[in-house]
PDB file of N, CA and C in Angstrom:
ATOM      1  N   MET A   1     -37.679  42.361  -7.753  1.00  0.00           N
ATOM      2  CA  MET A   1     -38.814  43.236  -7.968  1.00  0.00           C
ATOM      3  C   MET A   1     -38.370  44.563  -8.594  1.00  0.00           C
ATOM      4  N   ARG A   2     -37.253  45.062  -8.180  1.00  0.00           N
ATOM      5  CA  ARG A   2     -36.759  46.334  -8.693  1.00  0.00           C
ATOM      6  C   ARG A   2     -36.446  46.257 -10.190  1.00  0.00           C
ATOM      7  N   LYS A   3     -35.897  45.137 -10.648  1.00  0.00           N
ATOM      8  CA  LYS A   3     -35.584  44.966 -12.065  1.00  0.00           C
ATOM      9  C   LYS A   3     -36.843  45.013 -12.903  1.00  0.00           C
ATOM     10  N   ILE A   4     -37.910  44.370 -12.436  1.00  0.00           N
ATOM     11  CA  ILE A   4     -39.178  44.378 -13.169  1.00  0.00           C
ATOM     12  C   ILE A   4     -39.694  45.804 -13.274  1.00  0.00           C
ATOM     13  N   HIS A   5     -39.640  46.548 -12.188  1.00  0.00           N
ATOM     14  CA  HIS A   5     -40.130  47.927 -12.182  1.00  0.00           C
ATOM     15  C   HIS A   5     -39.350  48.782 -13.173  1.00  0.00           C
ATOM     16  N   ARG A   6     -38.029  48.673 -13.172  1.00  0.00           N
ATOM     17  CA  ARG A   6     -37.208  49.439 -14.115  1.00  0.00           C
ATOM     18  C   ARG A   6     -37.504  49.046 -15.559  1.00  0.00           C
ATOM     19  N   GLY A   7     -37.666  47.745 -15.783  1.00  0.00           N
ATOM     20  CA  GLY A   7     -37.974  47.275 -17.136  1.00  0.00           C
ATOM     21  C   GLY A   7     -39.280  47.842 -17.638  1.00  0.00           C
ATOM     22  N   PHE A   8     -40.296  47.846 -16.778  1.00  0.00           N
ATOM     23  CA  PHE A   8     -41.593  48.390 -17.165  1.00  0.00           C
ATOM     24  C   PHE A   8     -41.487  49.885 -17.417  1.00  0.00           C
ATOM     25  N   LEU A   9     -40.781  50.576 -16.544  1.00  0.00           N
ATOM     26  CA  LEU A   9     -40.613  52.007 -16.715  1.00  0.00           C
ATOM     27  C   LEU A   9     -39.883  52.311 -18.028  1.00  0.00           C
ATOM     28  N   GLY A  10     -38.862  51.520 -18.337  1.00  0.00           N
ATOM     29  CA  GLY A  10     -38.144  51.691 -19.592  1.00  0.00           C
ATOM     30  C   GLY A  10     -39.040  51.503 -20.801  1.00  0.00           C
ATOM     31  N   LEU A  11     -39.885  50.477 -20.760  1.00  0.00           N
ATOM     32  CA  LEU A  11     -40.822  50.246 -21.870  1.00  0.00           C
ATOM     33  C   LEU A  11     -41.803  51.398 -22.006  1.00  0.00           C
ATOM     34  N   ALA A  12     -42.302  51.883 -20.874  1.00  0.00           N
ATOM     35  CA  ALA A  12     -43.262  52.986 -20.912  1.00  0.00           C
ATOM     36  C   ALA A  12     -42.626  54.239 -21.510  1.00  0.00           C
ATOM     37  N   VAL A  13     -41.404  54.538 -21.123  1.00  0.00           N
ATOM     38  CA  VAL A  13     -40.708  55.711 -21.656  1.00  0.00           C
ATOM     39  C   VAL A  13     -40.459  55.543 -23.149  1.00  0.00           C
ATOM     40  N   MET A  14     -39.998  54.363 -23.557  1.00  0.00           N
ATOM     41  CA  MET A  14     -39.755  54.123 -24.985  1.00  0.00           C
ATOM     42  C   MET A  14     -41.031  54.273 -25.789  1.00  0.00           C
ATOM     43  N   ALA A  15     -42.130  53.750 -25.275  1.00  0.00           N
ATOM     44  CA  ALA A  15     -43.405  53.856 -25.986  1.00  0.00           C
ATOM     45  C   ALA A  15     -43.833  55.311 -26.110  1.00  0.00           C
ATOM     46  N   ALA A  16     -43.670  56.073 -25.034  1.00  0.00           N
ATOM     47  CA  ALA A  16     -44.058  57.485 -25.062  1.00  0.00           C
ATOM     48  C   ALA A  16     -43.200  58.265 -26.059  1.00  0.00           C
ATOM     49  N   LEU A  17     -41.924  57.997 -26.064  1.00  0.00           N
ATOM     50  CA  LEU A  17     -41.028  58.715 -26.971  1.00  0.00           C
ATOM     51  C   LEU A  17     -41.258  58.356 -28.430  1.00  0.00           C
ATOM     52  N   SER A  18     -41.664  57.124 -28.678  1.00  0.00           N
ATOM     53  CA  SER A  18     -41.866  56.711 -30.072  1.00  0.00           C
ATOM     54  C   SER A  18     -43.252  57.050 -30.582  1.00  0.00           C
ATOM     55  N   GLY A  19     -44.082  57.625 -29.733  1.00  0.00           N
ATOM     56  CA  GLY A  19     -45.422  58.005 -30.169  1.00  0.00           C
ATOM     57  C   GLY A  19     -46.384  56.841 -30.220  1.00  0.00           C
ATOM     58  N   CYS A  20     -46.046  55.735 -29.587  1.00  0.00           N
ATOM     59  CA  CYS A  20     -46.920  54.568 -29.574  1.00  0.00           C
ATOM     60  C   CYS A  20     -48.157  54.873 -28.743  1.00  0.00           C
ATOM     61  N   ALA A  21     -49.224  54.230 -29.093  1.00  0.00           N
ATOM     62  CA  ALA A  21     -50.458  54.353 -28.334  1.00  0.00           C
ATOM     63  C   ALA A  21     -51.014  52.964 -28.112  1.00  0.00           C
ATOM     64  N   LEU A  22     -51.946  52.877 -27.196  1.00  0.00           N
ATOM     65  CA  LEU A  22     -52.602  51.594 -26.979  1.00  0.00           C
ATOM     66  C   LEU A  22     -53.268  51.153 -28.277  1.00  0.00           C
ATOM     67  N   PRO A  23     -53.353  49.844 -28.492  1.00  0.00           N
ATOM     68  CA  PRO A  23     -54.052  49.368 -29.684  1.00  0.00           C
ATOM     69  C   PRO A  23     -55.478  49.926 -29.710  1.00  0.00           C
ATOM     70  N   ASN A  24     -55.961  50.282 -30.872  1.00  0.00           N
ATOM     71  CA  ASN A  24     -57.311  50.817 -30.975  1.00  0.00           C
ATOM     72  C   ASN A  24     -57.999  50.285 -32.227  1.00  0.00           C
ATOM     73  N   SER A  25     -59.232  50.697 -32.418  1.00  0.00           N
ATOM     74  CA  SER A  25     -60.025  50.210 -33.548  1.00  0.00           C
ATOM     75  C   SER A  25     -59.372  50.514 -34.887  1.00  0.00           C
ATOM     76  N   LYS A  26     -58.729  51.666 -34.983  1.00  0.00           N
ATOM     77  CA  LYS A  26     -58.064  52.040 -36.237  1.00  0.00           C
ATOM     78  C   LYS A  26     -56.934  51.060 -36.562  1.00  0.00           C
ATOM     79  N   ASN A  27     -56.147  50.684 -35.533  1.00  0.00           N
ATOM     80  CA  ASN A  27     -55.082  49.699 -35.736  1.00  0.00           C
ATOM     81  C   ASN A  27     -55.651  48.362 -36.189  1.00  0.00           C
ATOM     82  N   VAL A  28     -56.720  47.940 -35.541  1.00  0.00           N
ATOM     83  CA  VAL A  28     -57.334  46.649 -35.865  1.00  0.00           C
ATOM     84  C   VAL A  28     -57.885  46.670 -37.281  1.00  0.00           C
ATOM     85  N   MET A  29     -58.539  47.746 -37.668  1.00  0.00           N
ATOM     86  CA  MET A  29     -59.105  47.845 -39.012  1.00  0.00           C
ATOM     87  C   MET A  29     -57.997  47.878 -40.057  1.00  0.00           C
ATOM     88  N   ALA A  30     -56.888  48.551 -39.744  1.00  0.00           N
ATOM     89  CA  ALA A  30     -55.768  48.593 -40.686  1.00  0.00           C
ATOM     90  C   ALA A  30     -55.210  47.189 -40.918  1.00  0.00           C
ATOM     91  N   THR A  31     -55.228  46.378 -39.891  1.00  0.00           N
ATOM     92  CA  THR A  31     -54.725  45.010 -40.001  1.00  0.00           C
ATOM     93  C   THR A  31     -55.711  44.090 -40.703  1.00  0.00           C
ATOM     94  N   TRP A  32     -56.984  44.172 -40.339  1.00  0.00           N
ATOM     95  CA  TRP A  32     -57.958  43.175 -40.798  1.00  0.00           C
ATOM     96  C   TRP A  32     -58.970  43.669 -41.813  1.00  0.00           C
ATOM     97  N   GLY A  33     -59.132  44.952 -42.014  1.00  0.00           N
ATOM     98  CA  GLY A  33     -60.149  45.480 -42.924  1.00  0.00           C
ATOM     99  C   GLY A  33     -60.036  44.922 -44.337  1.00  0.00           C
ATOM    100  N   GLY A  34     -61.155  44.484 -44.884  1.00  0.00           N
ATOM    101  CA  GLY A  34     -61.191  43.972 -46.247  1.00  0.00           C
ATOM    102  C   GLY A  34     -60.801  42.507 -46.384  1.00  0.00           C
ATOM    103  N   ARG A  35     -60.293  41.922 -45.326  1.00  0.00           N
ATOM    104  CA  ARG A  35     -59.907  40.509 -45.374  1.00  0.00           C
ATOM    105  C   ARG A  35     -61.100  39.631 -45.011  1.00  0.00           C
ATOM    106  N   ASN A  36     -60.966  38.357 -45.273  1.00  0.00           N
ATOM    107  CA  ASN A  36     -62.015  37.412 -44.930  1.00  0.00           C
ATOM    108  C   ASN A  36     -61.864  36.988 -43.475  1.00  0.00           C
ATOM    109  N   ILE A  37     -62.972  36.763 -42.820  1.00  0.00           N
ATOM    110  CA  ILE A  37     -62.958  36.402 -41.400  1.00  0.00           C
ATOM    111  C   ILE A  37     -62.184  35.102 -41.160  1.00  0.00           C
ATOM    112  N   SER A  38     -62.097  34.244 -42.158  1.00  0.00           N
ATOM    113  CA  SER A  38     -61.351  32.992 -41.986  1.00  0.00           C
ATOM    114  C   SER A  38     -59.869  33.264 -41.718  1.00  0.00           C
ATOM    115  N   GLU A  39     -59.336  34.348 -42.289  1.00  0.00           N
ATOM    116  CA  GLU A  39     -57.945  34.718 -42.016  1.00  0.00           C
ATOM    117  C   GLU A  39     -57.767  35.131 -40.562  1.00  0.00           C
ATOM    118  N   ALA A  40     -58.738  35.887 -40.035  1.00  0.00           N
ATOM    119  CA  ALA A  40     -58.669  36.338 -38.643  1.00  0.00           C
ATOM    120  C   ALA A  40     -58.794  35.160 -37.679  1.00  0.00           C
ATOM    121  N   THR A  41     -59.720  34.250 -37.950  1.00  0.00           N
ATOM    122  CA  THR A  41     -59.873  33.112 -37.041  1.00  0.00           C
ATOM    123  C   THR A  41     -58.669  32.181 -37.108  1.00  0.00           C
ATOM    124  N   ALA A  42     -58.022  32.102 -38.260  1.00  0.00           N
ATOM    125  CA  ALA A  42     -56.819  31.284 -38.362  1.00  0.00           C
ATOM    126  C   ALA A  42     -55.698  31.870 -37.507  1.00  0.00           C
ATOM    127  N   LYS A  43     -55.609  33.185 -37.438  1.00  0.00           N
ATOM    128  CA  LYS A  43     -54.554  33.861 -36.673  1.00  0.00           C
ATOM    129  C   LYS A  43     -54.914  34.018 -35.190  1.00  0.00           C
ATOM    130  N   LEU A  44     -56.161  34.409 -34.912  1.00  0.00           N
ATOM    131  CA  LEU A  44     -56.577  34.729 -33.547  1.00  0.00           C
ATOM    132  C   LEU A  44     -57.194  33.554 -32.795  1.00  0.00           C
ATOM    133  N   GLY A  45     -57.517  32.505 -33.518  1.00  0.00           N
ATOM    134  CA  GLY A  45     -58.199  31.370 -32.897  1.00  0.00           C
ATOM    135  C   GLY A  45     -59.701  31.575 -32.940  1.00  0.00           C
ATOM    136  N   PRO A  46     -60.437  30.618 -32.411  1.00  0.00           N
ATOM    137  CA  PRO A  46     -61.893  30.753 -32.430  1.00  0.00           C
ATOM    138  C   PRO A  46     -62.336  31.927 -31.552  1.00  0.00           C
ATOM    139  N   PRO A  47     -63.350  32.662 -32.002  1.00  0.00           N
ATOM    140  CA  PRO A  47     -63.824  33.790 -31.194  1.00  0.00           C
ATOM    141  C   PRO A  47     -64.515  33.296 -29.926  1.00  0.00           C
ATOM    142  N   ASP A  48     -64.582  34.169 -28.937  1.00  0.00           N
ATOM    143  CA  ASP A  48     -65.288  33.847 -27.697  1.00  0.00           C
ATOM    144  C   ASP A  48     -66.796  33.843 -27.904  1.00  0.00           C
ATOM    145  N   ARG A  49     -67.246  34.673 -28.831  1.00  0.00           N
ATOM    146  CA  ARG A  49     -68.678  34.670 -29.181  1.00  0.00           C
ATOM    147  C   ARG A  49     -68.862  35.308 -30.552  1.00  0.00           C
ATOM    148  N   ILE A  50     -69.981  34.965 -31.165  1.00  0.00           N
ATOM    149  CA  ILE A  50     -70.377  35.535 -32.455  1.00  0.00           C
ATOM    150  C   ILE A  50     -71.779  36.086 -32.263  1.00  0.00           C
ATOM    151  N   VAL A  51     -71.970  37.341 -32.637  1.00  0.00           N
ATOM    152  CA  VAL A  51     -73.242  38.014 -32.411  1.00  0.00           C
ATOM    153  C   VAL A  51     -73.841  38.403 -33.753  1.00  0.00           C
ATOM    154  N   GLY A  52     -75.097  38.022 -33.973  1.00  0.00           N
ATOM    155  CA  GLY A  52     -75.802  38.421 -35.186  1.00  0.00           C
ATOM    156  C   GLY A  52     -76.178  39.892 -35.115  1.00  0.00           C
ATOM    157  N   MET A  53     -76.087  40.568 -36.257  1.00  0.00           N
ATOM    158  CA  MET A  53     -76.405  41.990 -36.327  1.00  0.00           C
ATOM    159  C   MET A  53     -77.405  42.225 -37.454  1.00  0.00           C
ATOM    160  N   PRO A  54     -78.028  43.396 -37.489  1.00  0.00           N
ATOM    161  CA  PRO A  54     -78.993  43.689 -38.548  1.00  0.00           C
ATOM    162  C   PRO A  54     -78.352  43.596 -39.939  1.00  0.00           C
ATOM    163  N   GLY A  55     -79.140  43.200 -40.901  1.00  0.00           N
ATOM    164  CA  GLY A  55     -78.692  43.151 -42.289  1.00  0.00           C
ATOM    165  C   GLY A  55     -77.831  41.945 -42.624  1.00  0.00           C
ATOM    166  N   GLY A  56     -77.785  40.957 -41.742  1.00  0.00           N
ATOM    167  CA  GLY A  56     -77.006  39.755 -42.013  1.00  0.00           C
ATOM    168  C   GLY A  56     -75.549  39.832 -41.597  1.00  0.00           C
ATOM    169  N   ALA A  57     -75.131  40.969 -41.048  1.00  0.00           N
ATOM    170  CA  ALA A  57     -73.748  41.086 -40.571  1.00  0.00           C
ATOM    171  C   ALA A  57     -73.575  40.286 -39.283  1.00  0.00           C
ATOM    172  N   MET A  58     -72.336  39.930 -38.995  1.00  0.00           N
ATOM    173  CA  MET A  58     -72.003  39.191 -37.770  1.00  0.00           C
ATOM    174  C   MET A  58     -70.818  39.872 -37.108  1.00  0.00           C
ATOM    175  N   MET A  59     -70.812  39.891 -35.771  1.00  0.00           N
ATOM    176  CA  MET A  59     -69.660  40.409 -35.042  1.00  0.00           C
ATOM    177  C   MET A  59     -68.979  39.252 -34.337  1.00  0.00           C
ATOM    178  N   TYR A  60     -67.691  39.077 -34.628  1.00  0.00           N
ATOM    179  CA  TYR A  60     -66.858  38.067 -33.990  1.00  0.00           C
ATOM    180  C   TYR A  60     -66.095  38.770 -32.875  1.00  0.00           C
ATOM    181  N   VAL A  61     -66.167  38.226 -31.670  1.00  0.00           N
ATOM    182  CA  VAL A  61     -65.583  38.888 -30.505  1.00  0.00           C
ATOM    183  C   VAL A  61     -64.566  37.973 -29.828  1.00  0.00           C
ATOM    184  N   TRP A  62     -63.369  38.529 -29.589  1.00  0.00           N
ATOM    185  CA  TRP A  62     -62.315  37.851 -28.832  1.00  0.00           C
ATOM    186  C   TRP A  62     -62.065  38.669 -27.585  1.00  0.00           C
ATOM    187  N   GLU A  63     -62.036  38.013 -26.431  1.00  0.00           N
ATOM    188  CA  GLU A  63     -61.730  38.693 -25.180  1.00  0.00           C
ATOM    189  C   GLU A  63     -60.676  37.899 -24.434  1.00  0.00           C
ATOM    190  N   GLY A  64     -59.843  38.590 -23.741  1.00  0.00           N
ATOM    191  CA  GLY A  64     -58.830  37.904 -22.973  1.00  0.00           C
ATOM    192  C   GLY A  64     -58.132  38.841 -22.018  1.00  0.00           C
ATOM    193  N   VAL A  65     -57.391  38.227 -21.125  1.00  0.00           N
ATOM    194  CA  VAL A  65     -56.591  38.965 -20.166  1.00  0.00           C
ATOM    195  C   VAL A  65     -55.144  38.565 -20.431  1.00  0.00           C
ATOM    196  N   PRO A  66     -54.313  39.525 -20.872  1.00  0.00           N
ATOM    197  CA  PRO A  66     -52.916  39.187 -21.155  1.00  0.00           C
ATOM    198  C   PRO A  66     -52.172  38.846 -19.874  1.00  0.00           C
ATOM    199  N   TRP A  67     -50.942  38.420 -20.041  1.00  0.00           N
ATOM    200  CA  TRP A  67     -50.137  38.061 -18.882  1.00  0.00           C
ATOM    201  C   TRP A  67     -50.191  39.183 -17.866  1.00  0.00           C
ATOM    202  N   GLY A  68     -50.168  38.818 -16.620  1.00  0.00           N
ATOM    203  CA  GLY A  68     -50.293  39.791 -15.543  1.00  0.00           C
ATOM    204  C   GLY A  68     -51.695  39.777 -14.970  1.00  0.00           C
ATOM    205  N   GLY A  69     -52.676  39.489 -15.803  1.00  0.00           N
ATOM    206  CA  GLY A  69     -54.041  39.286 -15.358  1.00  0.00           C
ATOM    207  C   GLY A  69     -54.789  40.479 -14.814  1.00  0.00           C
ATOM    208  N   GLU A  70     -54.376  41.696 -15.133  1.00  0.00           N
ATOM    209  CA  GLU A  70     -55.057  42.860 -14.574  1.00  0.00           C
ATOM    210  C   GLU A  70     -55.947  43.590 -15.567  1.00  0.00           C
ATOM    211  N   TYR A  71     -55.691  43.454 -16.849  1.00  0.00           N
ATOM    212  CA  TYR A  71     -56.384  44.263 -17.845  1.00  0.00           C
ATOM    213  C   TYR A  71     -57.129  43.397 -18.843  1.00  0.00           C
ATOM    214  N   LEU A  72     -58.256  43.903 -19.311  1.00  0.00           N
ATOM    215  CA  LEU A  72     -59.057  43.198 -20.302  1.00  0.00           C
ATOM    216  C   LEU A  72     -58.721  43.716 -21.694  1.00  0.00           C
ATOM    217  N   CYS A  73     -58.578  42.789 -22.611  1.00  0.00           N
ATOM    218  CA  CYS A  73     -58.410  43.134 -24.021  1.00  0.00           C
ATOM    219  C   CYS A  73     -59.618  42.559 -24.756  1.00  0.00           C
ATOM    220  N   SER A  74     -60.251  43.363 -25.553  1.00  0.00           N
ATOM    221  CA  SER A  74     -61.419  42.918 -26.300  1.00  0.00           C
ATOM    222  C   SER A  74     -61.297  43.413 -27.733  1.00  0.00           C
ATOM    223  N   LYS A  75     -61.545  42.508 -28.684  1.00  0.00           N
ATOM    224  CA  LYS A  75     -61.457  42.843 -30.100  1.00  0.00           C
ATOM    225  C   LYS A  75     -62.727  42.346 -30.779  1.00  0.00           C
ATOM    226  N   GLY A  76     -63.334  43.190 -31.604  1.00  0.00           N
ATOM    227  CA  GLY A  76     -64.517  42.803 -32.346  1.00  0.00           C
ATOM    228  C   GLY A  76     -64.321  43.076 -33.832  1.00  0.00           C
ATOM    229  N   LEU A  77     -64.639  42.093 -34.647  1.00  0.00           N
ATOM    230  CA  LEU A  77     -64.570  42.260 -36.099  1.00  0.00           C
ATOM    231  C   LEU A  77     -65.969  42.042 -36.656  1.00  0.00           C
ATOM    232  N   ILE A  78     -66.459  43.018 -37.396  1.00  0.00           N
ATOM    233  CA  ILE A  78     -67.789  42.926 -37.989  1.00  0.00           C
ATOM    234  C   ILE A  78     -67.626  42.553 -39.447  1.00  0.00           C
ATOM    235  N   VAL A  79     -68.333  41.506 -39.837  1.00  0.00           N
ATOM    236  CA  VAL A  79     -68.223  41.001 -41.204  1.00  0.00           C
ATOM    237  C   VAL A  79     -69.572  41.107 -41.905  1.00  0.00           C
ATOM    238  N   ASP A  80     -69.504  41.307 -43.216  1.00  0.00           N
ATOM    239  CA  ASP A  80     -70.732  41.345 -44.009  1.00  0.00           C
ATOM    240  C   ASP A  80     -71.179  39.920 -44.325  1.00  0.00           C
ATOM    241  N   SER A  81     -72.232  39.788 -45.104  1.00  0.00           N
ATOM    242  CA  SER A  81     -72.796  38.462 -45.393  1.00  0.00           C
ATOM    243  C   SER A  81     -71.860  37.578 -46.219  1.00  0.00           C
ATOM    244  N   GLN A  82     -70.832  38.160 -46.851  1.00  0.00           N
ATOM    245  CA  GLN A  82     -69.852  37.371 -47.606  1.00  0.00           C
ATOM    246  C   GLN A  82     -68.636  37.000 -46.753  1.00  0.00           C
ATOM    247  N   GLY A  83     -68.610  37.452 -45.491  1.00  0.00           N
ATOM    248  CA  GLY A  83     -67.494  37.129 -44.608  1.00  0.00           C
ATOM    249  C   GLY A  83     -66.338  38.117 -44.670  1.00  0.00           C
ATOM    250  N   THR A  84     -66.547  39.261 -45.329  1.00  0.00           N
ATOM    251  CA  THR A  84     -65.512  40.281 -45.425  1.00  0.00           C
ATOM    252  C   THR A  84     -65.579  41.198 -44.203  1.00  0.00           C
ATOM    253  N   ILE A  85     -64.434  41.472 -43.603  1.00  0.00           N
ATOM    254  CA  ILE A  85     -64.374  42.336 -42.423  1.00  0.00           C
ATOM    255  C   ILE A  85     -64.573  43.779 -42.868  1.00  0.00           C
ATOM    256  N   VAL A  86     -65.633  44.406 -42.339  1.00  0.00           N
ATOM    257  CA  VAL A  86     -65.983  45.757 -42.766  1.00  0.00           C
ATOM    258  C   VAL A  86     -65.806  46.806 -41.668  1.00  0.00           C
ATOM    259  N   ARG A  87     -65.753  46.376 -40.405  1.00  0.00           N
ATOM    260  CA  ARG A  87     -65.531  47.300 -39.287  1.00  0.00           C
ATOM    261  C   ARG A  87     -64.834  46.551 -38.169  1.00  0.00           C
ATOM    262  N   ALA A  88     -64.226  47.313 -37.283  1.00  0.00           N
ATOM    263  CA  ALA A  88     -63.518  46.696 -36.169  1.00  0.00           C
ATOM    264  C   ALA A  88     -63.654  47.565 -34.932  1.00  0.00           C
ATOM    265  N   SER A  89     -63.522  46.917 -33.790  1.00  0.00           N
ATOM    266  CA  SER A  89     -63.484  47.654 -32.532  1.00  0.00           C
ATOM    267  C   SER A  89     -62.454  46.987 -31.634  1.00  0.00           C
ATOM    268  N   GLN A  90     -61.887  47.758 -30.744  1.00  0.00           N
ATOM    269  CA  GLN A  90     -60.917  47.207 -29.809  1.00  0.00           C
ATOM    270  C   GLN A  90     -60.985  47.994 -28.518  1.00  0.00           C
ATOM    271  N   ARG A  91     -60.939  47.259 -27.439  1.00  0.00           N
ATOM    272  CA  ARG A  91     -60.819  47.871 -26.124  1.00  0.00           C
ATOM    273  C   ARG A  91     -59.520  47.350 -25.545  1.00  0.00           C
ATOM    274  N   ALA A  92     -58.585  48.221 -25.354  1.00  0.00           N
ATOM    275  CA  ALA A  92     -57.280  47.825 -24.855  1.00  0.00           C
ATOM    276  C   ALA A  92     -56.948  48.646 -23.618  1.00  0.00           C
ATOM    277  N   GLU A  93     -56.751  47.978 -22.523  1.00  0.00           N
ATOM    278  CA  GLU A  93     -56.386  48.656 -21.274  1.00  0.00           C
ATOM    279  C   GLU A  93     -54.904  48.510 -20.973  1.00  0.00           C
ATOM    280  N   SER A  94     -54.174  47.913 -21.888  1.00  0.00           N
ATOM    281  CA  SER A  94     -52.757  47.638 -21.631  1.00  0.00           C
ATOM    282  C   SER A  94     -52.003  47.563 -22.954  1.00  0.00           C
ATOM    283  N   PHE A  95     -50.706  47.841 -22.914  1.00  0.00           N
ATOM    284  CA  PHE A  95     -49.859  47.649 -24.088  1.00  0.00           C
ATOM    285  C   PHE A  95     -49.711  46.171 -24.430  1.00  0.00           C
ATOM    286  N   ALA A  96     -50.059  45.284 -23.493  1.00  0.00           N
ATOM    287  CA  ALA A  96     -49.962  43.852 -23.734  1.00  0.00           C
ATOM    288  C   ALA A  96     -51.051  43.370 -24.682  1.00  0.00           C
ATOM    289  N   CYS A  97     -52.077  44.175 -24.913  1.00  0.00           N
ATOM    290  CA  CYS A  97     -53.121  43.815 -25.869  1.00  0.00           C
ATOM    291  C   CYS A  97     -52.532  43.905 -27.275  1.00  0.00           C
ATOM    292  N   GLU A  98     -52.927  42.983 -28.126  1.00  0.00           N
ATOM    293  CA  GLU A  98     -52.437  43.007 -29.506  1.00  0.00           C
ATOM    294  C   GLU A  98     -53.432  43.662 -30.418  1.00  0.00           C
TER     295      GLU A  98
END
């Protein structure tokens, strides 16, 4: 148990020193913005749900609990009628979220 605690503490310190932050919408948009939703589904797998939005846009939502099972990770990609990712959102409660 002590080794796990030290390992986690080491990761937390390294992340703080390197200026890392939890994944956020800006990170997600930098990765997926302007790409086609088919690329995201090929990488992330099928979404947990797809929600219709005004103007023909669709929001693809992936939710999961990373290893450890304590924190929720949620990612949303909003696509226009041509399937191009135009906005993104992310809720990350852990560094384990991608």
